[in-house]
Amino acid sequence: MDQKGLVRAVAERTSLSREESADITRAVLEGLAGQLSEGEARRLATDLSGPLAEQLRAPRRRRKGAHPAGADDFIRQVSERTGLTDGDARAGTGAVLAALREALSEEDYRHLIGQLPAAYTALVEAAGRPGI
């Protein structure tokens, strides 16, 4: 999936502008890069193109495993990075993850979401389908 497509999908699921959707997409991907294992971040980067893939290239870590953050803490971090309210950050995070669910193969999405706490799945479900 390319950056325009992902940002468009986020904007369609939220009341965020295109600029806010681009900001939250970038913040969520950068945040995910810090939570996923190196291998999973690389795997996700191969499914995305250009600038999106670059945002997932996490710096080398001492430990190679996943380091997931709780969903509420992650939402707070996304809100701080983007300047959006917690509610908009929650909706935007769910929209980014829902767009990834549609863009990735079922197996790749399962690998991604499997490294995150269960509350992230609830964010995806709350994001629903575009225009809903």
N, C-alpha and C. Protein backbone atom coordinates (compact mmCIF):
# COMPACT_ATOMS: atom_id res chain seq x y z
N MET A 1 0.85 -1.18 0.00
CA MET A 1 0.00 0.00 0.00
C MET A 1 0.89 1.24 0.00
N ASP A 2 0.50 2.23 -0.75
CA ASP A 2 1.29 3.45 -0.79
C ASP A 2 0.77 4.46 0.24
N GLN A 3 1.54 5.50 0.45
CA GLN A 3 1.23 6.48 1.48
C GLN A 3 -0.11 7.18 1.22
N LYS A 4 -0.35 7.61 -0.01
CA LYS A 4 -1.61 8.30 -0.32
C LYS A 4 -2.81 7.40 -0.04
N GLY A 5 -2.70 6.15 -0.41
CA GLY A 5 -3.80 5.21 -0.19
C GLY A 5 -4.08 4.99 1.28
N LEU A 6 -3.03 4.86 2.07
CA LEU A 6 -3.20 4.64 3.50
C LEU A 6 -3.78 5.88 4.16
N VAL A 7 -3.27 7.05 3.82
CA VAL A 7 -3.78 8.30 4.39
C VAL A 7 -5.24 8.50 3.99
N ARG A 8 -5.58 8.21 2.75
CA ARG A 8 -6.97 8.33 2.28
C ARG A 8 -7.87 7.39 3.08
N ALA A 9 -7.42 6.17 3.30
CA ALA A 9 -8.22 5.20 4.05
C ALA A 9 -8.44 5.67 5.49
N VAL A 10 -7.43 6.29 6.09
CA VAL A 10 -7.57 6.81 7.45
C VAL A 10 -8.56 7.97 7.46
N ALA A 11 -8.45 8.87 6.51
CA ALA A 11 -9.36 10.03 6.43
C ALA A 11 -10.81 9.58 6.23
N GLU A 12 -11.01 8.52 5.46
CA GLU A 12 -12.36 8.02 5.20
C GLU A 12 -13.01 7.41 6.45
N ARG A 13 -12.20 6.92 7.38
CA ARG A 13 -12.72 6.28 8.58
C ARG A 13 -12.87 7.25 9.75
N THR A 14 -12.35 8.44 9.62
CA THR A 14 -12.33 9.39 10.72
C THR A 14 -12.86 10.75 10.26
N SER A 15 -12.94 11.67 11.19
CA SER A 15 -13.31 13.05 10.85
C SER A 15 -12.05 13.91 10.69
N LEU A 16 -10.90 13.26 10.56
CA LEU A 16 -9.63 13.98 10.45
C LEU A 16 -9.42 14.50 9.03
N SER A 17 -8.74 15.63 8.93
CA SER A 17 -8.37 16.17 7.62
C SER A 17 -7.30 15.28 7.00
N ARG A 18 -7.00 15.52 5.74
CA ARG A 18 -5.92 14.75 5.08
C ARG A 18 -4.59 14.98 5.80
N GLU A 19 -4.33 16.24 6.18
CA GLU A 19 -3.07 16.55 6.87
C GLU A 19 -3.00 15.84 8.22
N GLU A 20 -4.09 15.87 8.97
CA GLU A 20 -4.12 15.18 10.27
C GLU A 20 -4.01 13.68 10.06
N SER A 21 -4.65 13.17 9.02
CA SER A 21 -4.57 11.73 8.72
C SER A 21 -3.14 11.33 8.38
N ALA A 22 -2.44 12.18 7.64
CA ALA A 22 -1.04 11.90 7.31
C ALA A 22 -0.18 11.93 8.58
N ASP A 23 -0.43 12.91 9.45
CA ASP A 23 0.34 13.01 10.69
C ASP A 23 0.12 11.79 11.58
N ILE A 24 -1.14 11.38 11.72
CA ILE A 24 -1.41 10.25 12.61
C ILE A 24 -0.91 8.95 12.00
N THR A 25 -0.97 8.82 10.69
CA THR A 25 -0.43 7.62 10.04
C THR A 25 1.05 7.50 10.32
N ARG A 26 1.76 8.59 10.16
CA ARG A 26 3.20 8.61 10.42
C ARG A 26 3.48 8.29 11.89
N ALA A 27 2.75 8.91 12.82
CA ALA A 27 2.97 8.69 14.25
C ALA A 27 2.68 7.25 14.65
N VAL A 28 1.61 6.67 14.11
CA VAL A 28 1.27 5.29 14.45
C VAL A 28 2.33 4.33 13.91
N LEU A 29 2.74 4.52 12.66
CA LEU A 29 3.76 3.62 12.10
C LEU A 29 5.08 3.73 12.85
N GLU A 30 5.48 4.95 13.18
CA GLU A 30 6.72 5.12 13.95
C GLU A 30 6.59 4.46 15.33
N GLY A 31 5.42 4.62 15.95
CA GLY A 31 5.18 4.00 17.25
C GLY A 31 5.18 2.49 17.17
N LEU A 32 4.57 1.95 16.12
CA LEU A 32 4.56 0.51 15.94
C LEU A 32 5.97 -0.03 15.74
N ALA A 33 6.78 0.72 15.01
CA ALA A 33 8.16 0.28 14.76
C ALA A 33 8.90 0.07 16.07
N GLY A 34 8.60 0.88 17.07
CA GLY A 34 9.24 0.73 18.37
C GLY A 34 8.69 -0.42 19.20
N GLN A 35 7.53 -0.93 18.83
CA GLN A 35 6.90 -2.00 19.60
C GLN A 35 7.10 -3.38 19.01
N LEU A 36 7.17 -3.45 17.69
CA LEU A 36 7.28 -4.74 17.02
C LEU A 36 8.70 -5.29 17.11
N SER A 37 8.81 -6.59 16.96
CA SER A 37 10.13 -7.19 16.86
C SER A 37 10.80 -6.66 15.59
N GLU A 38 12.10 -6.74 15.54
CA GLU A 38 12.81 -6.28 14.34
C GLU A 38 12.31 -7.00 13.10
N GLY A 39 12.13 -8.30 13.22
CA GLY A 39 11.69 -9.09 12.08
C GLY A 39 10.30 -8.70 11.61
N GLU A 40 9.40 -8.44 12.55
CA GLU A 40 8.04 -8.06 12.17
C GLU A 40 8.00 -6.66 11.58
N ALA A 41 8.80 -5.75 12.12
CA ALA A 41 8.88 -4.39 11.55
C ALA A 41 9.40 -4.46 10.11
N ARG A 42 10.41 -5.32 9.87
CA ARG A 42 10.94 -5.49 8.52
C ARG A 42 9.89 -6.08 7.59
N ARG A 43 9.17 -7.07 8.11
CA ARG A 43 8.12 -7.73 7.31
C ARG A 43 7.06 -6.72 6.89
N LEU A 44 6.63 -5.88 7.83
CA LEU A 44 5.62 -4.87 7.53
C LEU A 44 6.17 -3.84 6.54
N ALA A 45 7.43 -3.47 6.70
CA ALA A 45 8.04 -2.50 5.79
C ALA A 45 8.06 -3.01 4.36
N THR A 46 8.23 -4.31 4.18
CA THR A 46 8.25 -4.85 2.81
C THR A 46 6.87 -4.78 2.16
N ASP A 47 5.81 -4.74 2.98
CA ASP A 47 4.45 -4.64 2.44
C ASP A 47 4.05 -3.21 2.12
N LEU A 48 4.80 -2.25 2.62
CA LEU A 48 4.49 -0.84 2.40
C LEU A 48 5.53 -0.25 1.47
N SER A 49 5.20 0.90 0.89
CA SER A 49 6.13 1.48 -0.06
C SER A 49 6.70 2.80 0.42
N GLY A 50 7.82 3.18 -0.15
CA GLY A 50 8.45 4.49 0.03
C GLY A 50 8.56 4.97 1.45
N PRO A 51 8.04 6.18 1.72
CA PRO A 51 8.17 6.79 3.04
C PRO A 51 7.54 5.97 4.15
N LEU A 52 6.47 5.24 3.84
CA LEU A 52 5.85 4.40 4.86
C LEU A 52 6.82 3.32 5.34
N ALA A 53 7.49 2.70 4.42
CA ALA A 53 8.44 1.65 4.77
C ALA A 53 9.58 2.22 5.62
N GLU A 54 10.03 3.41 5.28
CA GLU A 54 11.12 4.05 6.04
C GLU A 54 10.73 4.29 7.49
N GLN A 55 9.45 4.63 7.72
CA GLN A 55 9.00 4.90 9.08
C GLN A 55 9.00 3.64 9.95
N LEU A 56 9.01 2.48 9.33
CA LEU A 56 9.01 1.23 10.08
C LEU A 56 10.41 0.67 10.30
N ARG A 57 11.38 1.27 9.70
CA ARG A 57 12.74 0.78 9.89
C ARG A 57 13.24 1.26 11.24
N ALA A 58 13.00 0.43 12.24
CA ALA A 58 13.36 0.77 13.62
C ALA A 58 14.87 0.75 13.79
N PRO A 59 15.38 1.62 14.64
CA PRO A 59 16.80 1.57 14.93
C PRO A 59 17.15 0.23 15.59
N ARG A 60 18.37 -0.18 15.44
CA ARG A 60 18.80 -1.44 16.06
C ARG A 60 18.59 -1.37 17.56
N ARG A 61 18.10 -2.46 18.10
CA ARG A 61 17.84 -2.54 19.53
C ARG A 61 18.71 -3.61 20.15
N ARG A 62 18.87 -3.52 21.44
CA ARG A 62 19.64 -4.56 22.14
C ARG A 62 18.87 -5.87 22.14
N ARG A 63 17.56 -5.77 22.33
CA ARG A 63 16.72 -6.96 22.30
C ARG A 63 15.93 -6.95 21.00
N LYS A 64 15.81 -8.11 20.37
CA LYS A 64 15.16 -8.17 19.06
C LYS A 64 13.67 -8.47 19.15
N GLY A 65 13.17 -8.82 20.33
CA GLY A 65 11.76 -9.17 20.47
C GLY A 65 10.85 -7.95 20.49
N ALA A 66 9.56 -8.22 20.53
CA ALA A 66 8.56 -7.16 20.59
C ALA A 66 8.58 -6.49 21.96
N HIS A 67 8.24 -5.21 21.98
CA HIS A 67 8.17 -4.41 23.21
C HIS A 67 6.85 -3.64 23.19
N PRO A 68 5.72 -4.34 23.28
CA PRO A 68 4.44 -3.67 23.12
C PRO A 68 4.10 -2.74 24.29
N ALA A 69 3.44 -1.66 23.96
CA ALA A 69 2.93 -0.71 24.94
C ALA A 69 1.43 -0.95 25.06
N GLY A 70 0.88 -0.65 26.22
CA GLY A 70 -0.56 -0.74 26.39
C GLY A 70 -1.24 0.23 25.42
N ALA A 71 -2.44 -0.10 25.00
CA ALA A 71 -3.14 0.72 24.01
C ALA A 71 -3.36 2.14 24.52
N ASP A 72 -3.75 2.31 25.78
CA ASP A 72 -3.99 3.66 26.30
C ASP A 72 -2.71 4.49 26.32
N ASP A 73 -1.60 3.87 26.72
CA ASP A 73 -0.32 4.58 26.69
C ASP A 73 0.07 4.95 25.27
N PHE A 74 -0.16 4.03 24.33
CA PHE A 74 0.17 4.29 22.93
C PHE A 74 -0.67 5.44 22.39
N ILE A 75 -1.96 5.45 22.71
CA ILE A 75 -2.86 6.53 22.27
C ILE A 75 -2.35 7.87 22.80
N ARG A 76 -1.98 7.89 24.06
CA ARG A 76 -1.46 9.11 24.67
C ARG A 76 -0.20 9.59 23.95
N GLN A 77 0.69 8.66 23.61
CA GLN A 77 1.92 9.02 22.88
C GLN A 77 1.59 9.56 21.49
N VAL A 78 0.65 8.94 20.80
CA VAL A 78 0.25 9.40 19.47
C VAL A 78 -0.37 10.79 19.59
N SER A 79 -1.19 11.00 20.60
CA SER A 79 -1.80 12.31 20.82
C SER A 79 -0.74 13.38 21.03
N GLU A 80 0.26 13.07 21.85
CA GLU A 80 1.34 14.03 22.11
C GLU A 80 2.15 14.32 20.85
N ARG A 81 2.40 13.30 20.05
CA ARG A 81 3.21 13.49 18.83
C ARG A 81 2.48 14.29 17.76
N THR A 82 1.16 14.17 17.73
CA THR A 82 0.39 14.81 16.66
C THR A 82 -0.31 16.09 17.09
N GLY A 83 -0.49 16.28 18.39
CA GLY A 83 -1.25 17.43 18.88
C GLY A 83 -2.75 17.23 18.78
N LEU A 84 -3.18 16.01 18.47
CA LEU A 84 -4.61 15.70 18.39
C LEU A 84 -5.14 15.33 19.77
N THR A 85 -6.45 15.44 19.95
CA THR A 85 -7.07 15.03 21.21
C THR A 85 -6.90 13.52 21.37
N ASP A 86 -7.08 13.03 22.60
CA ASP A 86 -7.00 11.59 22.82
C ASP A 86 -8.06 10.86 22.00
N GLY A 87 -9.26 11.45 21.88
CA GLY A 87 -10.32 10.82 21.10
C GLY A 87 -9.96 10.70 19.62
N ASP A 88 -9.42 11.78 19.06
CA ASP A 88 -9.00 11.73 17.65
C ASP A 88 -7.82 10.79 17.47
N ALA A 89 -6.91 10.77 18.44
CA ALA A 89 -5.76 9.86 18.35
C ALA A 89 -6.22 8.41 18.42
N ARG A 90 -7.22 8.14 19.26
CA ARG A 90 -7.77 6.78 19.37
C ARG A 90 -8.43 6.37 18.05
N ALA A 91 -9.27 7.24 17.51
CA ALA A 91 -9.95 6.94 16.25
C ALA A 91 -8.94 6.79 15.11
N GLY A 92 -7.95 7.67 15.07
CA GLY A 92 -6.94 7.61 14.02
C GLY A 92 -6.07 6.37 14.10
N THR A 93 -5.69 6.00 15.32
CA THR A 93 -4.88 4.79 15.49
C THR A 93 -5.66 3.56 15.02
N GLY A 94 -6.92 3.48 15.43
CA GLY A 94 -7.76 2.37 14.97
C GLY A 94 -7.91 2.36 13.46
N ALA A 95 -8.03 3.55 12.87
CA ALA A 95 -8.18 3.65 11.41
C ALA A 95 -6.91 3.20 10.69
N VAL A 96 -5.75 3.56 11.21
CA VAL A 96 -4.49 3.12 10.59
C VAL A 96 -4.40 1.60 10.66
N LEU A 97 -4.68 1.03 11.83
CA LEU A 97 -4.60 -0.42 11.98
C LEU A 97 -5.65 -1.13 11.10
N ALA A 98 -6.85 -0.55 10.99
CA ALA A 98 -7.88 -1.15 10.14
C ALA A 98 -7.47 -1.09 8.67
N ALA A 99 -6.86 0.01 8.26
CA ALA A 99 -6.39 0.12 6.87
C ALA A 99 -5.28 -0.89 6.60
N LEU A 100 -4.41 -1.10 7.59
CA LEU A 100 -3.37 -2.11 7.43
C LEU A 100 -3.99 -3.50 7.33
N ARG A 101 -5.04 -3.75 8.12
CA ARG A 101 -5.71 -5.06 8.07
C ARG A 101 -6.21 -5.34 6.65
N GLU A 102 -6.73 -4.31 5.99
CA GLU A 102 -7.24 -4.50 4.63
C GLU A 102 -6.13 -4.57 3.59
N ALA A 103 -5.01 -3.91 3.86
CA ALA A 103 -3.92 -3.85 2.88
C ALA A 103 -3.01 -5.07 2.94
N LEU A 104 -2.86 -5.66 4.12
CA LEU A 104 -1.93 -6.77 4.30
C LEU A 104 -2.63 -8.10 4.04
N SER A 105 -1.83 -9.12 3.79
CA SER A 105 -2.40 -10.46 3.71
C SER A 105 -2.90 -10.83 5.11
N GLU A 106 -3.80 -11.77 5.17
CA GLU A 106 -4.33 -12.20 6.47
C GLU A 106 -3.20 -12.67 7.39
N GLU A 107 -2.26 -13.41 6.84
CA GLU A 107 -1.14 -13.92 7.64
C GLU A 107 -0.27 -12.77 8.16
N ASP A 108 0.06 -11.81 7.30
CA ASP A 108 0.90 -10.70 7.73
C ASP A 108 0.21 -9.85 8.79
N TYR A 109 -1.09 -9.63 8.61
CA TYR A 109 -1.83 -8.86 9.62
C TYR A 109 -1.88 -9.62 10.94
N ARG A 110 -2.10 -10.91 10.89
CA ARG A 110 -2.15 -11.73 12.10
C ARG A 110 -0.81 -11.66 12.84
N HIS A 111 0.30 -11.68 12.11
CA HIS A 111 1.62 -11.55 12.73
C HIS A 111 1.76 -10.19 13.41
N LEU A 112 1.34 -9.15 12.72
CA LEU A 112 1.43 -7.79 13.26
C LEU A 112 0.61 -7.65 14.54
N ILE A 113 -0.67 -7.95 14.46
CA ILE A 113 -1.56 -7.74 15.60
C ILE A 113 -1.25 -8.70 16.74
N GLY A 114 -0.65 -9.84 16.40
CA GLY A 114 -0.28 -10.83 17.42
C GLY A 114 0.83 -10.35 18.35
N GLN A 115 1.57 -9.33 17.94
CA GLN A 115 2.64 -8.80 18.79
C GLN A 115 2.16 -7.65 19.68
N LEU A 116 0.89 -7.30 19.55
CA LEU A 116 0.34 -6.18 20.30
C LEU A 116 -0.69 -6.68 21.31
N PRO A 117 -0.90 -5.93 22.41
CA PRO A 117 -1.93 -6.33 23.37
C PRO A 117 -3.31 -6.39 22.72
N ALA A 118 -4.20 -7.18 23.31
CA ALA A 118 -5.53 -7.42 22.75
C ALA A 118 -6.34 -6.13 22.57
N ALA A 119 -6.08 -5.11 23.36
CA ALA A 119 -6.84 -3.86 23.26
C ALA A 119 -6.67 -3.20 21.89
N TYR A 120 -5.60 -3.51 21.19
CA TYR A 120 -5.41 -2.94 19.85
C TYR A 120 -6.45 -3.49 18.87
N THR A 121 -6.85 -4.74 19.05
CA THR A 121 -7.87 -5.32 18.20
C THR A 121 -9.19 -4.57 18.38
N ALA A 122 -9.49 -4.16 19.61
CA ALA A 122 -10.71 -3.39 19.86
C ALA A 122 -10.66 -2.04 19.13
N LEU A 123 -9.47 -1.44 19.03
CA LEU A 123 -9.33 -0.18 18.29
C LEU A 123 -9.67 -0.40 16.82
N VAL A 124 -9.21 -1.51 16.27
CA VAL A 124 -9.47 -1.82 14.86
C VAL A 124 -10.96 -2.03 14.64
N GLU A 125 -11.59 -2.77 15.52
CA GLU A 125 -13.02 -3.05 15.38
C GLU A 125 -13.83 -1.76 15.50
N ALA A 126 -13.43 -0.86 16.38
CA ALA A 126 -14.14 0.42 16.54
C ALA A 126 -14.01 1.29 15.29
N ALA A 127 -12.91 1.13 14.56
CA ALA A 127 -12.68 1.93 13.35
C ALA A 127 -13.63 1.52 12.22
N GLY A 128 -14.06 0.27 12.24
CA GLY A 128 -15.03 -0.19 11.25
C GLY A 128 -14.53 -0.09 9.82
N ARG A 129 -15.46 0.04 8.93
CA ARG A 129 -15.19 0.15 7.50
C ARG A 129 -15.30 1.61 7.08
N PRO A 130 -14.69 1.98 5.97
CA PRO A 130 -14.79 3.37 5.49
C PRO A 130 -16.25 3.79 5.31
N GLY A 131 -16.53 5.00 5.75
CA GLY A 131 -17.85 5.55 5.54
C GLY A 131 -18.92 5.02 6.48
N ILE A 132 -18.52 4.21 7.45
CA ILE A 132 -19.51 3.63 8.38
C ILE A 132 -19.52 4.46 9.64
